[in-house]
Structures are given as C-alpha cells and as structure tokens.
Amino acid sequence: MEIHHHQQTELRRATTDRAASSGAAESSITHARPALGRYIVYFLLAAVATGIAVYFYAPKPVNKAANENMLLFLQNTISDIDLKLKNGDSNTDLATRLSWHKSNTALYNEAKANTDKKVTAQREILKKKMVQVQQRDFPELRTAYVESKKQALDEQHVGISLAGKHQEVLTFEGRMFKPEQVQEDFMKNIYGVVNDLRFKKIVYKWSDGPDGYHNYEIKSKADSEI
C-alpha cells in the first residue's frame, strides 16, 4: 500500500510539474506575440518609407519623345511670335488675339516643369519673345475693346474711354452709375474680360462734381508678366 501511495504521489508531482512548465511556456509565448507584432509593424513601416524614398528621389527615366515634342511646340510658338512682331496682328479679332496670348502662357507654364537643357533654353527664348509681344499687344487690345463697346453703350447713354500711359484705365460715364449697387453689378459682368485685358483701374463717373465718380482697382497682371 505504501509503494502504491508513493507511486501516486510521484505521478501527481510529475503531472503538476508538466502543467507548470506548460503554463510557463504558454505565458512566454503570450508575452512574445505582442513584441513580434510590433516588429512586423515596424518592418512594414520601414518598407513603405523606403518605397516612398525610392519613388521620389530615384532618377526618373528621360522621355526623349516628350522632350522632342516640347521643343517643337516651343520653336513653332517662337516663330509665330516673331512673325506677329514683324507684321502685326491688328486684323485678327479681339477674342482670337486674347486666346492666342493665353495659349502661349499655357505652353510656357508647361515647359517650366521640364528640366531638359534644350527645352530650358528654348523656354527662356520664348519668355523674352512673349514679354515683347505682350507689351505691344495689350495696350492695343484694350483700345480695341473700348472701340468695340462704344456703339452699344452709346445707345444706353453711357460713355466709355481710356486713360493712362499704357491705356490701362477704363472709364464708364453715365447717370446710371450713381447708385453703388449699379456699379457693383456692372463690375461683376465685366470683371473677367477687364482682368484678362490687364486693365488696372475701372472708373465709374456720373457727374462732374468732386464726388461724382468711384474707382475700382484691378489686381491684374502687368503687360510684361507671363
């Protein structure tokens, strides 16, 4: 009986020891899992950061075809400007001339993103030509705008005129402009075109008195600005 009792006691101890050992192992694994999870997250974040760095800082392949196309566009536009500087462009309607200038600006802005040396050189030539033709054209365009509006405005008993060294001040004259609300409504209707034509000031005049007019400043580009 004592031998049997001793064997049972030893068996229970062995079972307890195995359970304790198993519990310790499970506890160790349980504690190890969060640490392993953190390492995996750190690894993934590092991989993402490396991928971003490679994307932004690795040399980009040169697109020769795109550069050649850009060079062709720039050279054609430079030639077109040279032709207009030589022969003038007064026979073309106002809207078409204004659209042509906007197209030149769009091409120049697109070329600014290109780092090819040949493209950069042609872009700078284009810039000089654009400044030349803009300084010549925009005073003419402002004059053409006034001439195009005289008859229609005269029928409404409104006068229109230009002033300033570069024809950059536009004046509307008529009794209808005395109410400020009329000035503001009129301004909303013409703001887009007077801004595109680079007027600097709009004057509404309703009488010859010292308080018979109101000025509106226009924050438009200078004629020399691309």
C-alpha atoms as a PDB file:
ATOM      1  CA  MET A   1       0.000   0.000   0.000  1.00  0.00           C
ATOM      2  CA  GLU A   2       2.842   2.394   0.837  1.00  0.00           C
ATOM      3  CA  ILE A   3       4.504   1.678  -2.514  1.00  0.00           C
ATOM      4  CA  HIS A   4       1.245   2.326  -4.349  1.00  0.00           C
ATOM      5  CA  HIS A   5       0.697   5.557  -2.394  1.00  0.00           C
ATOM      6  CA  HIS A   6       4.255   6.685  -3.142  1.00  0.00           C
ATOM      7  CA  GLN A   7       3.781   5.991  -6.866  1.00  0.00           C
ATOM      8  CA  GLN A   8       0.565   8.049  -6.934  1.00  0.00           C
ATOM      9  CA  THR A   9       2.304  10.933  -5.160  1.00  0.00           C
ATOM     10  CA  GLU A  10       5.173  10.910  -7.641  1.00  0.00           C
ATOM     11  CA  LEU A  11       2.702  10.753 -10.517  1.00  0.00           C
ATOM     12  CA  ARG A  12       0.812  13.802  -9.219  1.00  0.00           C
ATOM     13  CA  ARG A  13       4.083  15.736  -8.821  1.00  0.00           C
ATOM     14  CA  ALA A  14       5.144  14.912 -12.356  1.00  0.00           C
ATOM     15  CA  THR A  15       1.744  15.984 -13.680  1.00  0.00           C
ATOM     16  CA  THR A  16       1.921  19.258 -11.704  1.00  0.00           C
ATOM     17  CA  ASP A  17       5.441  19.953 -12.922  1.00  0.00           C
ATOM     18  CA  ARG A  18       4.417  19.381 -16.544  1.00  0.00           C
ATOM     19  CA  ALA A  19       1.394  21.669 -16.116  1.00  0.00           C
ATOM     20  CA  ALA A  20       3.534  24.382 -14.554  1.00  0.00           C
ATOM     21  CA  SER A  21       6.111  24.023 -17.295  1.00  0.00           C
ATOM     22  CA  SER A  22       3.407  24.134 -19.964  1.00  0.00           C
ATOM     23  CA  GLY A  23       1.817  27.214 -18.338  1.00  0.00           C
ATOM     24  CA  ALA A  24       5.172  28.986 -18.228  1.00  0.00           C
ATOM     25  CA  ALA A  25       5.788  28.195 -21.874  1.00  0.00           C
ATOM     26  CA  GLU A  26       2.338  29.439 -22.870  1.00  0.00           C
ATOM     27  CA  SER A  27       2.879  32.612 -20.805  1.00  0.00           C
ATOM     28  CA  SER A  28       6.221  33.160 -22.544  1.00  0.00           C
ATOM     29  CA  ILE A  29       4.591  32.719 -25.965  1.00  0.00           C
ATOM     30  CA  THR A  30       1.723  35.025 -24.992  1.00  0.00           C
ATOM     31  CA  HIS A  31       4.160  37.777 -23.992  1.00  0.00           C
ATOM     32  CA  ALA A  32       6.241  37.223 -27.094  1.00  0.00           C
ATOM     33  CA  ARG A  33       3.320  37.686 -29.509  1.00  0.00           C
ATOM     34  CA  PRO A  34       2.793  41.454 -28.940  1.00  0.00           C
ATOM     35  CA  ALA A  35       6.530  42.047 -29.322  1.00  0.00           C
ATOM     36  CA  LEU A  36       6.556  40.051 -32.549  1.00  0.00           C
ATOM     37  CA  GLY A  37       3.542  42.041 -33.802  1.00  0.00           C
ATOM     38  CA  ARG A  38       5.348  45.305 -33.116  1.00  0.00           C
ATOM     39  CA  TYR A  39       8.398  44.127 -35.043  1.00  0.00           C
ATOM     40  CA  ILE A  40       6.220  43.216 -38.013  1.00  0.00           C
ATOM     41  CA  VAL A  41       4.574  46.679 -37.967  1.00  0.00           C
ATOM     42  CA  TYR A  42       7.988  48.358 -37.737  1.00  0.00           C
ATOM     43  CA  PHE A  43       9.211  46.291 -40.657  1.00  0.00           C
ATOM     44  CA  LEU A  44       6.197  47.208 -42.809  1.00  0.00           C
ATOM     45  CA  LEU A  45       6.523  50.911 -41.992  1.00  0.00           C
ATOM     46  CA  ALA A  46      10.208  50.813 -42.872  1.00  0.00           C
ATOM     47  CA  ALA A  47       9.401  49.108 -46.183  1.00  0.00           C
ATOM     48  CA  VAL A  48       6.792  51.755 -47.019  1.00  0.00           C
ATOM     49  CA  ALA A  49       9.193  54.583 -46.142  1.00  0.00           C
ATOM     50  CA  THR A  50      11.877  53.019 -48.320  1.00  0.00           C
ATOM     51  CA  GLY A  51       9.441  52.699 -51.222  1.00  0.00           C
ATOM     52  CA  ILE A  52       8.420  56.352 -50.946  1.00  0.00           C
ATOM     53  CA  ALA A  53      12.051  57.477 -50.829  1.00  0.00           C
ATOM     54  CA  VAL A  54      12.901  55.423 -53.898  1.00  0.00           C
ATOM     55  CA  TYR A  55       9.907  56.834 -55.800  1.00  0.00           C
ATOM     56  CA  PHE A  56      10.667  60.482 -55.088  1.00  0.00           C
ATOM     57  CA  TYR A  57      14.459  60.503 -55.107  1.00  0.00           C
ATOM     58  CA  ALA A  58      15.397  57.858 -57.656  1.00  0.00           C
ATOM     59  CA  PRO A  59      16.348  59.282 -61.095  1.00  0.00           C
ATOM     60  CA  LYS A  60      13.358  59.316 -63.423  1.00  0.00           C
ATOM     61  CA  PRO A  61      13.743  57.886 -66.932  1.00  0.00           C
ATOM     62  CA  VAL A  62      14.152  60.534 -69.638  1.00  0.00           C
ATOM     63  CA  ASN A  63      11.233  60.720 -72.052  1.00  0.00           C
ATOM     64  CA  LYS A  64      13.044  61.725 -75.256  1.00  0.00           C
ATOM     65  CA  ALA A  65       9.887  61.767 -77.352  1.00  0.00           C
ATOM     66  CA  ALA A  66       8.130  64.135 -74.923  1.00  0.00           C
ATOM     67  CA  ASN A  67      11.170  66.427 -74.884  1.00  0.00           C
ATOM     68  CA  GLU A  68      11.299  66.493 -78.675  1.00  0.00           C
ATOM     69  CA  ASN A  69       7.588  67.326 -78.866  1.00  0.00           C
ATOM     70  CA  MET A  70       8.004  70.120 -76.325  1.00  0.00           C
ATOM     71  CA  LEU A  71      10.968  71.528 -78.270  1.00  0.00           C
ATOM     72  CA  LEU A  72       8.890  71.519 -81.448  1.00  0.00           C
ATOM     73  CA  PHE A  73       5.998  73.351 -79.775  1.00  0.00           C
ATOM     74  CA  LEU A  74       8.349  75.953 -78.301  1.00  0.00           C
ATOM     75  CA  GLN A  75      10.165  76.572 -81.574  1.00  0.00           C
ATOM     76  CA  ASN A  76       6.892  76.881 -83.523  1.00  0.00           C
ATOM     77  CA  THR A  77       5.492  79.344 -80.997  1.00  0.00           C
ATOM     78  CA  ILE A  78       8.684  81.421 -81.062  1.00  0.00           C
ATOM     79  CA  SER A  79       8.471  81.576 -84.873  1.00  0.00           C
ATOM     80  CA  ASP A  80       4.797  82.554 -84.681  1.00  0.00           C
ATOM     81  CA  ILE A  81       5.567  85.379 -82.246  1.00  0.00           C
ATOM     82  CA  ASP A  82       8.431  86.615 -84.437  1.00  0.00           C
ATOM     83  CA  LEU A  83       6.036  86.750 -87.380  1.00  0.00           C
ATOM     84  CA  LYS A  84       3.465  88.747 -85.426  1.00  0.00           C
ATOM     85  CA  LEU A  85       6.117  91.115 -84.080  1.00  0.00           C
ATOM     86  CA  LYS A  86       7.221  91.756 -87.648  1.00  0.00           C
ATOM     87  CA  ASN A  87       3.849  92.012 -89.399  1.00  0.00           C
ATOM     88  CA  GLY A  88       1.446  92.958 -86.617  1.00  0.00           C
ATOM     89  CA  ASP A  89      -1.877  91.310 -85.838  1.00  0.00           C
ATOM     90  CA  SER A  90      -4.434  94.115 -85.948  1.00  0.00           C
ATOM     91  CA  ASN A  91      -6.696  92.354 -88.467  1.00  0.00           C
ATOM     92  CA  THR A  92      -7.433  89.480 -86.073  1.00  0.00           C
ATOM     93  CA  ASP A  93     -10.473  89.810 -83.808  1.00  0.00           C
ATOM     94  CA  LEU A  94     -10.081  90.622 -80.111  1.00  0.00           C
ATOM     95  CA  ALA A  95     -11.184  87.233 -78.737  1.00  0.00           C
ATOM     96  CA  THR A  96      -8.800  85.308 -81.008  1.00  0.00           C
ATOM     97  CA  ARG A  97      -5.832  87.514 -80.113  1.00  0.00           C
ATOM     98  CA  LEU A  98      -6.555  87.191 -76.406  1.00  0.00           C
ATOM     99  CA  SER A  99      -6.907  83.407 -76.722  1.00  0.00           C
ATOM    100  CA  TRP A 100      -3.554  83.274 -78.543  1.00  0.00           C
ATOM    101  CA  HIS A 101      -1.813  85.009 -75.638  1.00  0.00           C
ATOM    102  CA  LYS A 102      -3.414  82.594 -73.148  1.00  0.00           C
ATOM    103  CA  SER A 103      -2.215  79.661 -75.235  1.00  0.00           C
ATOM    104  CA  ASN A 104       1.351  80.998 -75.185  1.00  0.00           C
ATOM    105  CA  THR A 105       1.185  81.328 -71.395  1.00  0.00           C
ATOM    106  CA  ALA A 106      -0.106  77.760 -71.005  1.00  0.00           C
ATOM    107  CA  LEU A 107       2.767  76.412 -73.124  1.00  0.00           C
ATOM    108  CA  TYR A 108       5.347  78.378 -71.159  1.00  0.00           C
ATOM    109  CA  ASN A 109       3.961  77.129 -67.834  1.00  0.00           C
ATOM    110  CA  GLU A 110       4.006  73.539 -69.063  1.00  0.00           C
ATOM    111  CA  ALA A 111       7.608  73.911 -70.230  1.00  0.00           C
ATOM    112  CA  LYS A 112       8.676  75.137 -66.781  1.00  0.00           C
ATOM    113  CA  ALA A 113       8.228  71.607 -65.428  1.00  0.00           C
ATOM    114  CA  ASN A 114      10.682  70.178 -67.980  1.00  0.00           C
ATOM    115  CA  THR A 115      14.343  70.070 -66.893  1.00  0.00           C
ATOM    116  CA  ASP A 116      15.841  69.124 -70.253  1.00  0.00           C
ATOM    117  CA  LYS A 117      18.627  71.617 -71.130  1.00  0.00           C
ATOM    118  CA  LYS A 118      17.430  72.190 -74.690  1.00  0.00           C
ATOM    119  CA  VAL A 119      13.862  72.721 -73.533  1.00  0.00           C
ATOM    120  CA  THR A 120      15.011  75.127 -70.819  1.00  0.00           C
ATOM    121  CA  ALA A 121      16.993  77.172 -73.344  1.00  0.00           C
ATOM    122  CA  GLN A 122      14.056  77.437 -75.751  1.00  0.00           C
ATOM    123  CA  ARG A 123      11.693  78.257 -72.902  1.00  0.00           C
ATOM    124  CA  GLU A 124      13.807  81.278 -71.934  1.00  0.00           C
ATOM    125  CA  ILE A 125      13.805  82.484 -75.544  1.00  0.00           C
ATOM    126  CA  LEU A 126      10.016  82.089 -75.590  1.00  0.00           C
ATOM    127  CA  LYS A 127       9.728  84.113 -72.385  1.00  0.00           C
ATOM    128  CA  LYS A 128      11.603  87.078 -73.891  1.00  0.00           C
ATOM    129  CA  LYS A 129       9.509  86.953 -77.044  1.00  0.00           C
ATOM    130  CA  MET A 130       6.270  86.742 -75.054  1.00  0.00           C
ATOM    131  CA  VAL A 131       7.158  89.802 -72.994  1.00  0.00           C
ATOM    132  CA  GLN A 132       7.885  91.726 -76.204  1.00  0.00           C
ATOM    133  CA  VAL A 133       4.637  90.859 -77.907  1.00  0.00           C
ATOM    134  CA  GLN A 134       2.524  91.286 -74.748  1.00  0.00           C
ATOM    135  CA  GLN A 135       3.851  94.787 -74.114  1.00  0.00           C
ATOM    136  CA  ARG A 136       2.981  95.690 -77.671  1.00  0.00           C
ATOM    137  CA  ASP A 137      -0.359  93.901 -77.874  1.00  0.00           C
ATOM    138  CA  PHE A 138      -2.188  94.507 -74.602  1.00  0.00           C
ATOM    139  CA  PRO A 139      -2.492  98.301 -74.956  1.00  0.00           C
ATOM    140  CA  GLU A 140      -3.827  97.637 -78.478  1.00  0.00           C
ATOM    141  CA  LEU A 141      -6.239  95.014 -77.146  1.00  0.00           C
ATOM    142  CA  ARG A 142      -7.574  97.400 -74.502  1.00  0.00           C
ATOM    143  CA  THR A 143      -8.087 100.052 -77.172  1.00  0.00           C
ATOM    144  CA  ALA A 144      -9.852  97.531 -79.408  1.00  0.00           C
ATOM    145  CA  TYR A 145     -12.145  96.543 -76.528  1.00  0.00           C
ATOM    146  CA  VAL A 146     -13.231 100.151 -75.974  1.00  0.00           C
ATOM    147  CA  GLU A 147     -13.862 100.697 -79.680  1.00  0.00           C
ATOM    148  CA  SER A 148     -15.961  97.521 -79.832  1.00  0.00           C
ATOM    149  CA  LYS A 149     -18.233  98.709 -76.994  1.00  0.00           C
ATOM    150  CA  LYS A 150     -18.797 102.361 -77.916  1.00  0.00           C
ATOM    151  CA  GLN A 151     -21.837 101.974 -80.137  1.00  0.00           C
ATOM    152  CA  ALA A 152     -23.748  99.603 -77.858  1.00  0.00           C
ATOM    153  CA  LEU A 153     -23.049 101.697 -74.760  1.00  0.00           C
ATOM    154  CA  ASP A 154     -23.934 104.945 -76.541  1.00  0.00           C
ATOM    155  CA  GLU A 155     -27.421 103.561 -77.120  1.00  0.00           C
ATOM    156  CA  GLN A 156     -27.711 103.233 -73.315  1.00  0.00           C
ATOM    157  CA  HIS A 157     -26.394 106.786 -72.816  1.00  0.00           C
ATOM    158  CA  VAL A 158     -23.130 105.505 -71.399  1.00  0.00           C
ATOM    159  CA  GLY A 159     -19.743 106.824 -72.454  1.00  0.00           C
ATOM    160  CA  ILE A 160     -16.567 104.724 -72.463  1.00  0.00           C
ATOM    161  CA  SER A 161     -12.970 105.956 -72.679  1.00  0.00           C
ATOM    162  CA  LEU A 162      -9.339 105.103 -71.948  1.00  0.00           C
ATOM    163  CA  ALA A 163      -6.624 106.827 -69.958  1.00  0.00           C
ATOM    164  CA  GLY A 164      -3.149 106.081 -68.616  1.00  0.00           C
ATOM    165  CA  LYS A 165       0.282 105.782 -70.204  1.00  0.00           C
ATOM    166  CA  HIS A 166      -0.495 102.254 -71.414  1.00  0.00           C
ATOM    167  CA  GLN A 167      -4.265 102.612 -71.836  1.00  0.00           C
ATOM    168  CA  GLU A 168      -4.767 100.746 -68.563  1.00  0.00           C
ATOM    169  CA  VAL A 169      -7.517 102.937 -67.039  1.00  0.00           C
ATOM    170  CA  LEU A 170     -11.073 102.323 -68.253  1.00  0.00           C
ATOM    171  CA  THR A 171     -13.826 104.875 -67.574  1.00  0.00           C
ATOM    172  CA  PHE A 172     -17.588 104.436 -67.874  1.00  0.00           C
ATOM    173  CA  GLU A 173     -19.635 107.630 -67.684  1.00  0.00           C
ATOM    174  CA  GLY A 174     -23.384 107.941 -67.199  1.00  0.00           C
ATOM    175  CA  ARG A 175     -26.004 108.959 -64.653  1.00  0.00           C
ATOM    176  CA  MET A 176     -26.974 105.323 -64.206  1.00  0.00           C
ATOM    177  CA  PHE A 177     -23.765 104.699 -62.235  1.00  0.00           C
ATOM    178  CA  LYS A 178     -24.633 106.886 -59.263  1.00  0.00           C
ATOM    179  CA  PRO A 179     -26.127 104.021 -57.206  1.00  0.00           C
ATOM    180  CA  GLU A 180     -23.336 101.868 -55.814  1.00  0.00           C
ATOM    181  CA  GLN A 181     -25.318  98.699 -56.478  1.00  0.00           C
ATOM    182  CA  VAL A 182     -25.377  99.509 -60.209  1.00  0.00           C
ATOM    183  CA  GLN A 183     -21.581  99.889 -60.175  1.00  0.00           C
ATOM    184  CA  GLU A 184     -21.129  96.557 -58.413  1.00  0.00           C
ATOM    185  CA  ASP A 185     -23.497  94.707 -60.759  1.00  0.00           C
ATOM    186  CA  PHE A 186     -21.794  96.220 -63.795  1.00  0.00           C
ATOM    187  CA  MET A 187     -18.412  95.279 -62.364  1.00  0.00           C
ATOM    188  CA  LYS A 188     -19.434  91.645 -61.948  1.00  0.00           C
ATOM    189  CA  ASN A 189     -20.411  91.484 -65.622  1.00  0.00           C
ATOM    190  CA  ILE A 190     -17.164  92.918 -66.989  1.00  0.00           C
ATOM    191  CA  TYR A 191     -14.609  91.726 -64.431  1.00  0.00           C
ATOM    192  CA  GLY A 192     -13.500  88.634 -66.363  1.00  0.00           C
ATOM    193  CA  VAL A 193     -12.683  90.467 -69.586  1.00  0.00           C
ATOM    194  CA  VAL A 194     -11.103  93.569 -67.978  1.00  0.00           C
ATOM    195  CA  ASN A 195      -8.903  91.280 -65.872  1.00  0.00           C
ATOM    196  CA  ASP A 196      -7.868  89.262 -68.946  1.00  0.00           C
ATOM    197  CA  LEU A 197      -7.095  92.511 -70.794  1.00  0.00           C
ATOM    198  CA  ARG A 198      -4.990  93.627 -67.809  1.00  0.00           C
ATOM    199  CA  PHE A 199      -6.769  96.876 -67.032  1.00  0.00           C
ATOM    200  CA  LYS A 200      -5.553  98.345 -63.752  1.00  0.00           C
ATOM    201  CA  LYS A 201      -8.408 100.634 -62.826  1.00  0.00           C
ATOM    202  CA  ILE A 202     -12.103 100.985 -63.641  1.00  0.00           C
ATOM    203  CA  VAL A 203     -13.736 104.389 -63.081  1.00  0.00           C
ATOM    204  CA  TYR A 204     -17.497 104.914 -62.860  1.00  0.00           C
ATOM    205  CA  LYS A 205     -18.470 108.557 -63.319  1.00  0.00           C
ATOM    206  CA  TRP A 206     -21.974 110.002 -63.013  1.00  0.00           C
ATOM    207  CA  SER A 207     -21.281 113.742 -62.644  1.00  0.00           C
ATOM    208  CA  ASP A 208     -18.537 116.371 -62.903  1.00  0.00           C
ATOM    209  CA  GLY A 209     -18.662 117.073 -59.158  1.00  0.00           C
ATOM    210  CA  PRO A 210     -15.763 116.198 -56.845  1.00  0.00           C
ATOM    211  CA  ASP A 211     -17.700 113.202 -55.523  1.00  0.00           C
ATOM    212  CA  GLY A 212     -19.206 112.225 -58.844  1.00  0.00           C
ATOM    213  CA  TYR A 213     -17.084 109.150 -59.522  1.00  0.00           C
ATOM    214  CA  HIS A 214     -15.812 105.926 -57.950  1.00  0.00           C
ATOM    215  CA  ASN A 215     -12.603 103.969 -58.682  1.00  0.00           C
ATOM    216  CA  TYR A 216     -12.175 100.204 -58.639  1.00  0.00           C
ATOM    217  CA  GLU A 217      -8.620  98.865 -58.628  1.00  0.00           C
ATOM    218  CA  ILE A 218      -7.982  95.680 -60.627  1.00  0.00           C
ATOM    219  CA  LYS A 219      -5.255  93.298 -59.442  1.00  0.00           C
ATOM    220  CA  SER A 220      -4.438  92.068 -62.923  1.00  0.00           C
ATOM    221  CA  LYS A 221      -1.099  91.010 -64.373  1.00  0.00           C
ATOM    222  CA  ALA A 222       1.281  93.599 -65.758  1.00  0.00           C
ATOM    223  CA  ASP A 223       1.666  93.558 -69.553  1.00  0.00           C
ATOM    224  CA  SER A 224       5.204  92.194 -69.105  1.00  0.00           C
ATOM    225  CA  GLU A 225       4.127  89.380 -66.777  1.00  0.00           C
ATOM    226  CA  ILE A 226       3.846  85.846 -68.109  1.00  0.00           C
END
